[in-house]
Amino acid sequence: MRRRDFIAGLGGAAAWPLAARAQPNGRVRRIGVLIASSEIDQEAQARLQTFRQSLADLGWVEGHEVRIDVRWAGPDVAQQHVYARELIALTPDLLLTNATTATQALREATQAIPIVFVTLFDPIRSGVVSNLARPDANVTGFTQYEPSMAGKWLSLLKEVAPRLARVVVFFNPKTLPFGPAYVRVVQEAGERLGVKVSAATVEEAAGIEATVSAMANFDDGGVVALPDNFAADNIATLIRLEERYRVPVIFFRRDFTARGGLMAYATDQRTQYRDAATYVDRILRGTKLADLPVQFATKFELSINLKTARSLGLTIPEALLATADDVIQ
């Protein structure tokens, strides 16, 4: 079922009333949070804070009406499963998570406790849900990137680097098990754009340099970094290698350009955490999870770092700069 078939007319989660309301029965509720990002990731911390503040705005103040237990598992899939079991042992009323593998870990550990996810890949293909419009298990939430997005990443990179003729698509198959679906879309786009596309599966941080440096052997190479928590956990390395080898990279998070990455085309993940709070609020107040459809991101933002572009010898087209949401000088 295509998303437009069932989300049309909903108006989005943000349309629901945001006024704080009294807690129904006075009992302190417990929420378990499993994050597939490192605790030192400042943007991940900011997103979680957005969730906390949004809950407070809805009448669920931490330490009063609700208790929130957080586990930062990072991209380590085995650790995600350990923390999933640990959180469930706390008997929470509800679970919040991000990323496909962390959601799968919780889904495998409980079929009873409601789970709300954010920034997930494909909830159908990953086996998290079987019905987007009316989730028939204990899981619903907000997904960010469909594979079709990957073609946009390549076209933007080609627009910034017109000489681009070969690209490597980089991901960790353990943390992004459905990476090949993205790769196929990039390859299809490459056929249209005259760009040779290959895939690089990297499971250890030490392998990142080999992936980027391989493109440095050509003056027409580039890298597409797929939306992978492994890549996010190693973003400082990726940005350093982009500069060192003078290889243009397009990223999947807007804050990566602020840290020195060339460009990103991304969803607003903080909005997803804000919307997740509305689902959590409704579930805690008695709404059936089946009445809360899985929703897809509809807004994407382009950010460009001009300083990095200059260091790579690239001139950003004026038309692209005019459409960018964020241009870092």
C-alpha atoms as a PDB file:
ATOM      1  CA  MET A   1       0.000   0.000   0.000  1.00  0.00           C
ATOM      2  CA  ARG A   2       1.425   3.377  -0.988  1.00  0.00           C
ATOM      3  CA  ARG A   3       1.647   5.927   1.766  1.00  0.00           C
ATOM      4  CA  ARG A   4      -0.557   8.465   0.010  1.00  0.00           C
ATOM      5  CA  ASP A   5      -3.373   5.925   0.109  1.00  0.00           C
ATOM      6  CA  PHE A   6      -3.638   6.105   3.857  1.00  0.00           C
ATOM      7  CA  ILE A   7      -2.032   9.273   5.203  1.00  0.00           C
ATOM      8  CA  ALA A   8      -3.958  11.695   3.020  1.00  0.00           C
ATOM      9  CA  GLY A   9      -6.248  13.725   5.199  1.00  0.00           C
ATOM     10  CA  LEU A  10      -4.526  12.818   8.442  1.00  0.00           C
ATOM     11  CA  GLY A  11      -2.830  16.177   8.594  1.00  0.00           C
ATOM     12  CA  GLY A  12       0.190  14.660  10.303  1.00  0.00           C
ATOM     13  CA  ALA A  13       0.893  14.046  13.933  1.00  0.00           C
ATOM     14  CA  ALA A  14       1.819  17.670  14.424  1.00  0.00           C
ATOM     15  CA  ALA A  15      -1.776  18.689  13.818  1.00  0.00           C
ATOM     16  CA  TRP A  16      -3.012  17.143  17.044  1.00  0.00           C
ATOM     17  CA  PRO A  17      -3.587  19.378  20.082  1.00  0.00           C
ATOM     18  CA  LEU A  18      -0.406  20.127  21.973  1.00  0.00           C
ATOM     19  CA  ALA A  19      -1.880  21.654  25.098  1.00  0.00           C
ATOM     20  CA  ALA A  20      -0.740  20.012  28.298  1.00  0.00           C
ATOM     21  CA  ARG A  21      -3.380  17.769  29.792  1.00  0.00           C
ATOM     22  CA  ALA A  22      -3.797  16.238  33.216  1.00  0.00           C
ATOM     23  CA  GLN A  23      -2.480  12.700  33.606  1.00  0.00           C
ATOM     24  CA  PRO A  24      -5.404  10.247  33.637  1.00  0.00           C
ATOM     25  CA  ASN A  25      -4.966   8.271  36.861  1.00  0.00           C
ATOM     26  CA  GLY A  26      -2.066   9.811  38.756  1.00  0.00           C
ATOM     27  CA  ARG A  27       0.201   6.799  38.205  1.00  0.00           C
ATOM     28  CA  VAL A  28       3.760   7.535  37.110  1.00  0.00           C
ATOM     29  CA  ARG A  29       4.262   5.900  33.736  1.00  0.00           C
ATOM     30  CA  ARG A  30       7.545   4.374  32.621  1.00  0.00           C
ATOM     31  CA  ILE A  31       9.083   4.709  29.150  1.00  0.00           C
ATOM     32  CA  GLY A  32      12.076   2.703  27.978  1.00  0.00           C
ATOM     33  CA  VAL A  33      14.237   4.295  25.272  1.00  0.00           C
ATOM     34  CA  LEU A  34      16.710   2.338  23.142  1.00  0.00           C
ATOM     35  CA  ILE A  35      18.955   4.522  20.982  1.00  0.00           C
ATOM     36  CA  ALA A  36      21.173   3.069  18.253  1.00  0.00           C
ATOM     37  CA  SER A  37      23.523   6.045  18.498  1.00  0.00           C
ATOM     38  CA  SER A  38      26.474   6.767  20.736  1.00  0.00           C
ATOM     39  CA  GLU A  39      25.855   8.799  23.860  1.00  0.00           C
ATOM     40  CA  ILE A  40      28.520  11.306  22.771  1.00  0.00           C
ATOM     41  CA  ASP A  41      26.511  12.107  19.617  1.00  0.00           C
ATOM     42  CA  GLN A  42      25.338  15.643  20.415  1.00  0.00           C
ATOM     43  CA  GLU A  43      22.661  15.673  17.737  1.00  0.00           C
ATOM     44  CA  ALA A  44      21.258  12.386  19.047  1.00  0.00           C
ATOM     45  CA  GLN A  45      21.159  13.950  22.513  1.00  0.00           C
ATOM     46  CA  ALA A  46      19.363  16.992  21.100  1.00  0.00           C
ATOM     47  CA  ARG A  47      16.767  14.800  19.400  1.00  0.00           C
ATOM     48  CA  LEU A  48      16.082  12.951  22.640  1.00  0.00           C
ATOM     49  CA  GLN A  49      15.755  16.260  24.442  1.00  0.00           C
ATOM     50  CA  THR A  50      13.191  17.315  21.828  1.00  0.00           C
ATOM     51  CA  PHE A  51      11.212  14.190  22.685  1.00  0.00           C
ATOM     52  CA  ARG A  52      11.417  14.929  26.411  1.00  0.00           C
ATOM     53  CA  GLN A  53      10.331  18.539  25.982  1.00  0.00           C
ATOM     54  CA  SER A  54       7.492  17.567  23.658  1.00  0.00           C
ATOM     55  CA  LEU A  55       6.240  15.065  26.233  1.00  0.00           C
ATOM     56  CA  ALA A  56       6.411  17.747  28.919  1.00  0.00           C
ATOM     57  CA  ASP A  57       4.390  20.084  26.708  1.00  0.00           C
ATOM     58  CA  LEU A  58       1.774  17.348  26.505  1.00  0.00           C
ATOM     59  CA  GLY A  59       1.602  17.044  30.297  1.00  0.00           C
ATOM     60  CA  TRP A  60       4.159  14.265  30.871  1.00  0.00           C
ATOM     61  CA  VAL A  61       6.902  15.883  32.924  1.00  0.00           C
ATOM     62  CA  GLU A  62       9.864  13.632  33.617  1.00  0.00           C
ATOM     63  CA  GLY A  63      10.200  12.912  37.321  1.00  0.00           C
ATOM     64  CA  HIS A  64       6.526  13.696  37.916  1.00  0.00           C
ATOM     65  CA  GLU A  65       4.092  12.010  35.532  1.00  0.00           C
ATOM     66  CA  VAL A  66       6.641   9.876  33.717  1.00  0.00           C
ATOM     67  CA  ARG A  67       9.975   8.146  34.213  1.00  0.00           C
ATOM     68  CA  ILE A  68      12.271   7.684  31.206  1.00  0.00           C
ATOM     69  CA  ASP A  69      14.981   5.007  31.147  1.00  0.00           C
ATOM     70  CA  VAL A  70      17.500   5.468  28.325  1.00  0.00           C
ATOM     71  CA  ARG A  71      20.020   3.018  26.920  1.00  0.00           C
ATOM     72  CA  TRP A  72      22.603   4.185  24.384  1.00  0.00           C
ATOM     73  CA  ALA A  73      23.571   1.076  22.436  1.00  0.00           C
ATOM     74  CA  GLY A  74      25.361   2.749  19.518  1.00  0.00           C
ATOM     75  CA  PRO A  75      25.528   0.801  16.239  1.00  0.00           C
ATOM     76  CA  ASP A  76      26.490  -2.446  18.027  1.00  0.00           C
ATOM     77  CA  VAL A  77      23.613  -4.787  17.135  1.00  0.00           C
ATOM     78  CA  ALA A  78      24.491  -7.319  19.845  1.00  0.00           C
ATOM     79  CA  GLN A  79      24.457  -4.544  22.454  1.00  0.00           C
ATOM     80  CA  GLN A  80      21.083  -3.377  21.166  1.00  0.00           C
ATOM     81  CA  HIS A  81      19.641  -6.813  21.923  1.00  0.00           C
ATOM     82  CA  VAL A  82      21.201  -6.801  25.405  1.00  0.00           C
ATOM     83  CA  TYR A  83      19.732  -3.395  26.203  1.00  0.00           C
ATOM     84  CA  ALA A  84      16.375  -4.363  24.695  1.00  0.00           C
ATOM     85  CA  ARG A  85      16.050  -7.218  27.171  1.00  0.00           C
ATOM     86  CA  GLU A  86      17.284  -4.967  29.971  1.00  0.00           C
ATOM     87  CA  LEU A  87      14.658  -2.314  29.250  1.00  0.00           C
ATOM     88  CA  ILE A  88      11.841  -4.834  28.991  1.00  0.00           C
ATOM     89  CA  ALA A  89      12.854  -6.264  32.369  1.00  0.00           C
ATOM     90  CA  LEU A  90      11.974  -2.850  33.821  1.00  0.00           C
ATOM     91  CA  THR A  91       8.345  -3.470  32.728  1.00  0.00           C
ATOM     92  CA  PRO A  92       7.830  -0.112  31.005  1.00  0.00           C
ATOM     93  CA  ASP A  93       4.438   1.042  29.768  1.00  0.00           C
ATOM     94  CA  LEU A  94       5.904   1.890  26.385  1.00  0.00           C
ATOM     95  CA  LEU A  95       9.160   1.732  24.414  1.00  0.00           C
ATOM     96  CA  LEU A  96      10.719   4.333  22.091  1.00  0.00           C
ATOM     97  CA  THR A  97      13.507   3.466  19.698  1.00  0.00           C
ATOM     98  CA  ASN A  98      15.314   4.579  16.563  1.00  0.00           C
ATOM     99  CA  ALA A  99      16.803   2.738  13.594  1.00  0.00           C
ATOM    100  CA  THR A 100      15.859  -0.578  12.051  1.00  0.00           C
ATOM    101  CA  THR A 101      18.115  -2.889  14.043  1.00  0.00           C
ATOM    102  CA  ALA A 102      17.172  -1.422  17.437  1.00  0.00           C
ATOM    103  CA  THR A 103      13.480  -1.658  16.561  1.00  0.00           C
ATOM    104  CA  GLN A 104      13.945  -5.262  15.506  1.00  0.00           C
ATOM    105  CA  ALA A 105      15.717  -6.001  18.796  1.00  0.00           C
ATOM    106  CA  LEU A 106      12.755  -4.698  20.799  1.00  0.00           C
ATOM    107  CA  ARG A 107      10.234  -6.349  18.501  1.00  0.00           C
ATOM    108  CA  GLU A 108      11.914  -9.723  18.992  1.00  0.00           C
ATOM    109  CA  ALA A 109      11.992  -9.256  22.773  1.00  0.00           C
ATOM    110  CA  THR A 110       8.344  -8.284  23.292  1.00  0.00           C
ATOM    111  CA  GLN A 111       5.081  -8.603  21.424  1.00  0.00           C
ATOM    112  CA  ALA A 112       3.084  -6.991  24.231  1.00  0.00           C
ATOM    113  CA  ILE A 113       4.632  -3.646  25.179  1.00  0.00           C
ATOM    114  CA  PRO A 114       3.813  -0.849  22.676  1.00  0.00           C
ATOM    115  CA  ILE A 115       6.831   0.272  20.635  1.00  0.00           C
ATOM    116  CA  VAL A 116       7.083   3.635  18.859  1.00  0.00           C
ATOM    117  CA  PHE A 117       9.975   3.994  16.419  1.00  0.00           C
ATOM    118  CA  VAL A 118      11.574   6.946  14.663  1.00  0.00           C
ATOM    119  CA  THR A 119      14.065   7.195  11.760  1.00  0.00           C
ATOM    120  CA  LEU A 120      13.373   3.651  10.618  1.00  0.00           C
ATOM    121  CA  PHE A 121      14.161   2.300   7.155  1.00  0.00           C
ATOM    122  CA  ASP A 122      11.391   0.190   5.590  1.00  0.00           C
ATOM    123  CA  PRO A 123       9.043  -1.154   8.303  1.00  0.00           C
ATOM    124  CA  ILE A 124       7.463  -3.683   5.943  1.00  0.00           C
ATOM    125  CA  ARG A 125      10.653  -5.085   4.443  1.00  0.00           C
ATOM    126  CA  SER A 126      12.339  -5.205   7.841  1.00  0.00           C
ATOM    127  CA  GLY A 127       9.453  -7.216   9.277  1.00  0.00           C
ATOM    128  CA  VAL A 128       8.650  -4.636  11.948  1.00  0.00           C
ATOM    129  CA  VAL A 129       5.045  -4.169  10.806  1.00  0.00           C
ATOM    130  CA  SER A 130       2.868  -5.853   8.206  1.00  0.00           C
ATOM    131  CA  ASN A 131       0.243  -3.118   7.782  1.00  0.00           C
ATOM    132  CA  LEU A 132       1.238   0.540   7.508  1.00  0.00           C
ATOM    133  CA  ALA A 133      -2.246   2.024   7.691  1.00  0.00           C
ATOM    134  CA  ARG A 134      -3.366  -0.028  10.660  1.00  0.00           C
ATOM    135  CA  PRO A 135      -0.448  -1.656  12.510  1.00  0.00           C
ATOM    136  CA  ASP A 136      -1.572  -5.100  13.617  1.00  0.00           C
ATOM    137  CA  ALA A 137       1.158  -5.829  16.163  1.00  0.00           C
ATOM    138  CA  ASN A 138       2.674  -3.741  18.964  1.00  0.00           C
ATOM    139  CA  VAL A 139       4.763  -1.436  16.764  1.00  0.00           C
ATOM    140  CA  THR A 140       4.165   1.850  14.953  1.00  0.00           C
ATOM    141  CA  GLY A 141       6.031   5.087  14.353  1.00  0.00           C
ATOM    142  CA  PHE A 142       7.798   7.314  11.873  1.00  0.00           C
ATOM    143  CA  THR A 143      10.106   6.250   9.080  1.00  0.00           C
ATOM    144  CA  GLN A 144      12.519   8.560   7.322  1.00  0.00           C
ATOM    145  CA  TYR A 145      14.158   7.289   4.126  1.00  0.00           C
ATOM    146  CA  GLU A 146      12.736   5.136   1.395  1.00  0.00           C
ATOM    147  CA  PRO A 147      15.244   3.584  -1.039  1.00  0.00           C
ATOM    148  CA  SER A 148      14.101   6.001  -3.750  1.00  0.00           C
ATOM    149  CA  MET A 149      15.891   8.756  -1.804  1.00  0.00           C
ATOM    150  CA  ALA A 150      19.241   7.285  -2.840  1.00  0.00           C
ATOM    151  CA  GLY A 151      18.805   8.457  -6.417  1.00  0.00           C
ATOM    152  CA  LYS A 152      18.379  12.026  -5.180  1.00  0.00           C
ATOM    153  CA  TRP A 153      21.642  11.814  -3.247  1.00  0.00           C
ATOM    154  CA  LEU A 154      23.545  10.815  -6.373  1.00  0.00           C
ATOM    155  CA  SER A 155      21.934  13.471  -8.560  1.00  0.00           C
ATOM    156  CA  LEU A 156      22.798  16.196  -6.036  1.00  0.00           C
ATOM    157  CA  LEU A 157      26.396  15.005  -5.788  1.00  0.00           C
ATOM    158  CA  LYS A 158      26.636  15.023  -9.589  1.00  0.00           C
ATOM    159  CA  GLU A 159      25.243  18.547  -9.682  1.00  0.00           C
ATOM    160  CA  VAL A 160      27.903  19.752  -7.262  1.00  0.00           C
ATOM    161  CA  ALA A 161      30.707  17.780  -8.915  1.00  0.00           C
ATOM    162  CA  PRO A 162      29.904  17.718 -12.676  1.00  0.00           C
ATOM    163  CA  ARG A 163      32.989  15.614 -13.462  1.00  0.00           C
ATOM    164  CA  LEU A 164      31.689  12.834 -11.260  1.00  0.00           C
ATOM    165  CA  ALA A 165      31.950   9.548 -13.165  1.00  0.00           C
ATOM    166  CA  ARG A 166      32.334   6.926 -10.438  1.00  0.00           C
ATOM    167  CA  VAL A 167      30.838   6.622  -6.978  1.00  0.00           C
ATOM    168  CA  VAL A 168      31.111   4.168  -4.124  1.00  0.00           C
ATOM    169  CA  VAL A 169      28.054   3.641  -1.916  1.00  0.00           C
ATOM    170  CA  PHE A 170      29.191   3.036   1.641  1.00  0.00           C
ATOM    171  CA  PHE A 171      27.333   1.142   4.406  1.00  0.00           C
ATOM    172  CA  ASN A 172      27.649  -1.479   7.136  1.00  0.00           C
ATOM    173  CA  PRO A 173      25.461  -4.526   6.355  1.00  0.00           C
ATOM    174  CA  LYS A 174      25.102  -5.315  10.072  1.00  0.00           C
ATOM    175  CA  THR A 175      23.657  -1.938  11.000  1.00  0.00           C
ATOM    176  CA  LEU A 176      21.907  -1.271   7.675  1.00  0.00           C
ATOM    177  CA  PRO A 177      20.780  -4.754   6.585  1.00  0.00           C
ATOM    178  CA  PHE A 178      18.703  -3.344   3.747  1.00  0.00           C
ATOM    179  CA  GLY A 179      21.527  -1.284   2.298  1.00  0.00           C
ATOM    180  CA  PRO A 180      21.460  -3.229  -0.993  1.00  0.00           C
ATOM    181  CA  ALA A 181      18.007  -1.764  -1.739  1.00  0.00           C
ATOM    182  CA  TYR A 182      19.561   1.714  -1.644  1.00  0.00           C
ATOM    183  CA  VAL A 183      22.518   0.576  -3.726  1.00  0.00           C
ATOM    184  CA  ARG A 184      20.239  -0.671  -6.504  1.00  0.00           C
ATOM    185  CA  VAL A 185      18.524   2.710  -6.684  1.00  0.00           C
ATOM    186  CA  VAL A 186      21.872   4.535  -6.850  1.00  0.00           C
ATOM    187  CA  GLN A 187      22.978   2.191  -9.622  1.00  0.00           C
ATOM    188  CA  GLU A 188      19.807   2.893 -11.597  1.00  0.00           C
ATOM    189  CA  ALA A 189      20.364   6.631 -11.155  1.00  0.00           C
ATOM    190  CA  GLY A 190      23.990   6.169 -12.165  1.00  0.00           C
ATOM    191  CA  GLU A 191      22.925   4.626 -15.463  1.00  0.00           C
ATOM    192  CA  ARG A 192      20.877   7.738 -16.227  1.00  0.00           C
ATOM    193  CA  LEU A 193      23.600  10.139 -15.117  1.00  0.00           C
ATOM    194  CA  GLY A 194      26.568   8.356 -16.647  1.00  0.00           C
ATOM    195  CA  VAL A 195      28.104   7.471 -13.267  1.00  0.00           C
ATOM    196  CA  LYS A 196      29.600   4.056 -12.521  1.00  0.00           C
ATOM    197  CA  VAL A 197      28.356   2.923  -9.100  1.00  0.00           C
ATOM    198  CA  SER A 198      29.869   0.288  -6.827  1.00  0.00           C
ATOM    199  CA  ALA A 199      29.073  -0.763  -3.265  1.00  0.00           C
ATOM    200  CA  ALA A 200      31.448  -0.955  -0.307  1.00  0.00           C
ATOM    201  CA  THR A 201      30.365  -2.906   2.765  1.00  0.00           C
ATOM    202  CA  VAL A 202      32.423  -1.889   5.782  1.00  0.00           C
ATOM    203  CA  GLU A 203      31.932  -3.455   9.209  1.00  0.00           C
ATOM    204  CA  GLU A 204      34.919  -1.967  11.038  1.00  0.00           C
ATOM    205  CA  ALA A 205      36.030   1.647  11.366  1.00  0.00           C
ATOM    206  CA  ALA A 206      39.443   0.719   9.985  1.00  0.00           C
ATOM    207  CA  GLY A 207      37.861  -0.088   6.628  1.00  0.00           C
ATOM    208  CA  ILE A 208      36.445   3.385   6.077  1.00  0.00           C
ATOM    209  CA  GLU A 209      39.732   4.884   4.900  1.00  0.00           C
ATOM    210  CA  ALA A 210      40.211   2.200   2.251  1.00  0.00           C
ATOM    211  CA  THR A 211      36.752   2.994   0.896  1.00  0.00           C
ATOM    212  CA  VAL A 212      37.334   6.737   0.611  1.00  0.00           C
ATOM    213  CA  SER A 213      40.970   6.560  -0.499  1.00  0.00           C
ATOM    214  CA  ALA A 214      40.008   4.225  -3.371  1.00  0.00           C
ATOM    215  CA  MET A 215      38.066   7.098  -4.900  1.00  0.00           C
ATOM    216  CA  ALA A 216      41.087   9.395  -4.493  1.00  0.00           C
ATOM    217  CA  ASN A 217      42.857   7.442  -7.232  1.00  0.00           C
ATOM    218  CA  PHE A 218      40.559   9.179  -9.699  1.00  0.00           C
ATOM    219  CA  ASP A 219      39.749  12.836 -10.234  1.00  0.00           C
ATOM    220  CA  ASP A 220      36.109  11.996 -10.917  1.00  0.00           C
ATOM    221  CA  GLY A 221      35.214   9.919  -7.847  1.00  0.00           C
ATOM    222  CA  GLY A 222      32.771  10.465  -5.006  1.00  0.00           C
ATOM    223  CA  VAL A 223      31.057   8.754  -2.066  1.00  0.00           C
ATOM    224  CA  VAL A 224      27.414   8.337  -1.084  1.00  0.00           C
ATOM    225  CA  ALA A 225      27.166   7.611   2.662  1.00  0.00           C
ATOM    226  CA  LEU A 226      23.954   5.698   3.329  1.00  0.00           C
ATOM    227  CA  PRO A 227      21.770   6.459   6.413  1.00  0.00           C
ATOM    228  CA  ASP A 228      23.570   4.106   8.740  1.00  0.00           C
ATOM    229  CA  ASN A 229      24.266   4.492  12.463  1.00  0.00           C
ATOM    230  CA  PHE A 230      27.704   2.991  11.871  1.00  0.00           C
ATOM    231  CA  ALA A 231      28.505   5.873   9.528  1.00  0.00           C
ATOM    232  CA  ALA A 232      27.068   8.350  12.034  1.00  0.00           C
ATOM    233  CA  ASP A 233      29.215   6.871  14.787  1.00  0.00           C
ATOM    234  CA  ASN A 234      32.285   7.405  12.591  1.00  0.00           C
ATOM    235  CA  ILE A 235      31.310  10.747  11.097  1.00  0.00           C
ATOM    236  CA  ALA A 236      34.428  12.562  12.328  1.00  0.00           C
ATOM    237  CA  THR A 237      36.557  10.021  10.479  1.00  0.00           C
ATOM    238  CA  LEU A 238      34.485  10.308   7.317  1.00  0.00           C
ATOM    239  CA  ILE A 239      34.703  14.094   7.253  1.00  0.00           C
ATOM    240  CA  ARG A 240      38.452  14.017   7.916  1.00  0.00           C
ATOM    241  CA  LEU A 241      38.967  11.553   5.070  1.00  0.00           C
ATOM    242  CA  GLU A 242      36.787  13.615   2.724  1.00  0.00           C
ATOM    243  CA  GLU A 243      39.122  16.560   3.317  1.00  0.00           C
ATOM    244  CA  ARG A 244      42.334  14.530   3.279  1.00  0.00           C
ATOM    245  CA  TYR A 245      41.650  12.717   0.015  1.00  0.00           C
ATOM    246  CA  ARG A 246      39.641  15.539  -1.580  1.00  0.00           C
ATOM    247  CA  VAL A 247      36.754  13.201  -2.383  1.00  0.00           C
ATOM    248  CA  PRO A 248      33.232  14.726  -2.322  1.00  0.00           C
ATOM    249  CA  VAL A 249      30.772  12.935  -0.024  1.00  0.00           C
ATOM    250  CA  ILE A 250      27.024  13.427   0.341  1.00  0.00           C
ATOM    251  CA  PHE A 251      25.643  12.686   3.806  1.00  0.00           C
ATOM    252  CA  PHE A 252      22.255  11.872   5.330  1.00  0.00           C
ATOM    253  CA  ARG A 253      22.182  14.238   8.317  1.00  0.00           C
ATOM    254  CA  ARG A 254      22.059  18.001   8.168  1.00  0.00           C
ATOM    255  CA  ASP A 255      24.305  18.481  11.198  1.00  0.00           C
ATOM    256  CA  PHE A 256      27.158  16.677   9.410  1.00  0.00           C
ATOM    257  CA  THR A 257      27.664  19.687   7.132  1.00  0.00           C
ATOM    258  CA  ALA A 258      28.004  21.940  10.178  1.00  0.00           C
ATOM    259  CA  ARG A 259      30.840  19.659  11.269  1.00  0.00           C
ATOM    260  CA  GLY A 260      32.647  20.016   7.943  1.00  0.00           C
ATOM    261  CA  GLY A 261      30.933  17.600   5.558  1.00  0.00           C
ATOM    262  CA  LEU A 262      30.370  18.831   2.015  1.00  0.00           C
ATOM    263  CA  MET A 263      26.605  18.425   1.755  1.00  0.00           C
ATOM    264  CA  ALA A 264      23.573  16.566   3.029  1.00  0.00           C
ATOM    265  CA  TYR A 265      20.020  15.955   1.913  1.00  0.00           C
ATOM    266  CA  ALA A 266      18.103  14.835   4.946  1.00  0.00           C
ATOM    267  CA  THR A 267      14.899  14.628   6.910  1.00  0.00           C
ATOM    268  CA  ASP A 268      14.333  16.766   9.980  1.00  0.00           C
ATOM    269  CA  GLN A 269      14.855  14.065  12.592  1.00  0.00           C
ATOM    270  CA  ARG A 270      13.987  16.322  15.513  1.00  0.00           C
ATOM    271  CA  THR A 271      10.511  16.715  14.037  1.00  0.00           C
ATOM    272  CA  GLN A 272      10.151  12.925  14.043  1.00  0.00           C
ATOM    273  CA  TYR A 273      10.997  12.812  17.755  1.00  0.00           C
ATOM    274  CA  ARG A 274       8.450  15.565  18.378  1.00  0.00           C
ATOM    275  CA  ASP A 275       5.801  13.661  16.459  1.00  0.00           C
ATOM    276  CA  ALA A 276       6.747  10.454  18.293  1.00  0.00           C
ATOM    277  CA  ALA A 277       5.890  12.217  21.546  1.00  0.00           C
ATOM    278  CA  THR A 278       2.334  12.746  20.276  1.00  0.00           C
ATOM    279  CA  TYR A 279       1.999   9.027  19.581  1.00  0.00           C
ATOM    280  CA  VAL A 280       3.402   8.172  23.013  1.00  0.00           C
ATOM    281  CA  ASP A 281       0.950  10.601  24.594  1.00  0.00           C
ATOM    282  CA  ARG A 282      -2.004   9.069  22.787  1.00  0.00           C
ATOM    283  CA  ILE A 283      -1.013   5.494  23.616  1.00  0.00           C
ATOM    284  CA  LEU A 284      -0.514   6.302  27.293  1.00  0.00           C
ATOM    285  CA  ARG A 285      -3.962   7.884  27.320  1.00  0.00           C
ATOM    286  CA  GLY A 286      -5.628   4.808  25.873  1.00  0.00           C
ATOM    287  CA  THR A 287      -5.517   5.118  22.079  1.00  0.00           C
ATOM    288  CA  LYS A 288      -5.141   1.751  20.401  1.00  0.00           C
ATOM    289  CA  LEU A 289      -1.843   1.376  18.614  1.00  0.00           C
ATOM    290  CA  ALA A 290      -3.692   0.048  15.551  1.00  0.00           C
ATOM    291  CA  ASP A 291      -5.302   3.484  15.210  1.00  0.00           C
ATOM    292  CA  LEU A 292      -1.886   5.145  14.805  1.00  0.00           C
ATOM    293  CA  PRO A 293      -0.610   4.539  11.253  1.00  0.00           C
ATOM    294  CA  VAL A 294       3.045   4.422  10.325  1.00  0.00           C
ATOM    295  CA  GLN A 295       3.952   7.809   8.864  1.00  0.00           C
ATOM    296  CA  PHE A 296       6.652   8.756   6.366  1.00  0.00           C
ATOM    297  CA  ALA A 297       8.800  11.862   6.301  1.00  0.00           C
ATOM    298  CA  THR A 298       7.499  14.445   3.843  1.00  0.00           C
ATOM    299  CA  LYS A 299      10.037  17.247   4.311  1.00  0.00           C
ATOM    300  CA  PHE A 300      13.691  17.075   3.284  1.00  0.00           C
ATOM    301  CA  GLU A 301      16.403  19.695   3.720  1.00  0.00           C
ATOM    302  CA  LEU A 302      19.490  20.442   1.653  1.00  0.00           C
ATOM    303  CA  SER A 303      22.562  21.786   3.429  1.00  0.00           C
ATOM    304  CA  ILE A 304      25.877  22.766   1.828  1.00  0.00           C
ATOM    305  CA  ASN A 305      29.238  23.704   3.345  1.00  0.00           C
ATOM    306  CA  LEU A 306      30.864  26.264   1.040  1.00  0.00           C
ATOM    307  CA  LYS A 307      34.184  26.182   2.890  1.00  0.00           C
ATOM    308  CA  THR A 308      34.459  22.447   2.314  1.00  0.00           C
ATOM    309  CA  ALA A 309      33.413  22.878  -1.322  1.00  0.00           C
ATOM    310  CA  ARG A 310      36.229  25.364  -1.870  1.00  0.00           C
ATOM    311  CA  SER A 311      38.750  23.045  -0.217  1.00  0.00           C
ATOM    312  CA  LEU A 312      37.657  20.300  -2.633  1.00  0.00           C
ATOM    313  CA  GLY A 313      37.952  22.626  -5.605  1.00  0.00           C
ATOM    314  CA  LEU A 314      34.222  22.666  -6.258  1.00  0.00           C
ATOM    315  CA  THR A 315      32.014  25.574  -7.266  1.00  0.00           C
ATOM    316  CA  ILE A 316      28.431  25.183  -6.105  1.00  0.00           C
ATOM    317  CA  PRO A 317      25.907  26.218  -8.805  1.00  0.00           C
ATOM    318  CA  GLU A 318      23.976  29.341  -7.895  1.00  0.00           C
ATOM    319  CA  ALA A 319      20.676  27.626  -8.649  1.00  0.00           C
ATOM    320  CA  LEU A 320      21.477  24.920  -6.089  1.00  0.00           C
ATOM    321  CA  LEU A 321      22.518  27.468  -3.479  1.00  0.00           C
ATOM    322  CA  ALA A 322      19.211  29.249  -3.999  1.00  0.00           C
ATOM    323  CA  THR A 323      17.279  26.086  -3.129  1.00  0.00           C
ATOM    324  CA  ALA A 324      19.425  25.055  -0.155  1.00  0.00           C
ATOM    325  CA  ASP A 325      17.886  25.260   3.307  1.00  0.00           C
ATOM    326  CA  ASP A 326      21.234  25.862   4.972  1.00  0.00           C
ATOM    327  CA  VAL A 327      24.454  27.269   3.456  1.00  0.00           C
ATOM    328  CA  ILE A 328      27.479  27.229   5.710  1.00  0.00           C
ATOM    329  CA  GLN A 329      30.076  29.834   4.787  1.00  0.00           C
END
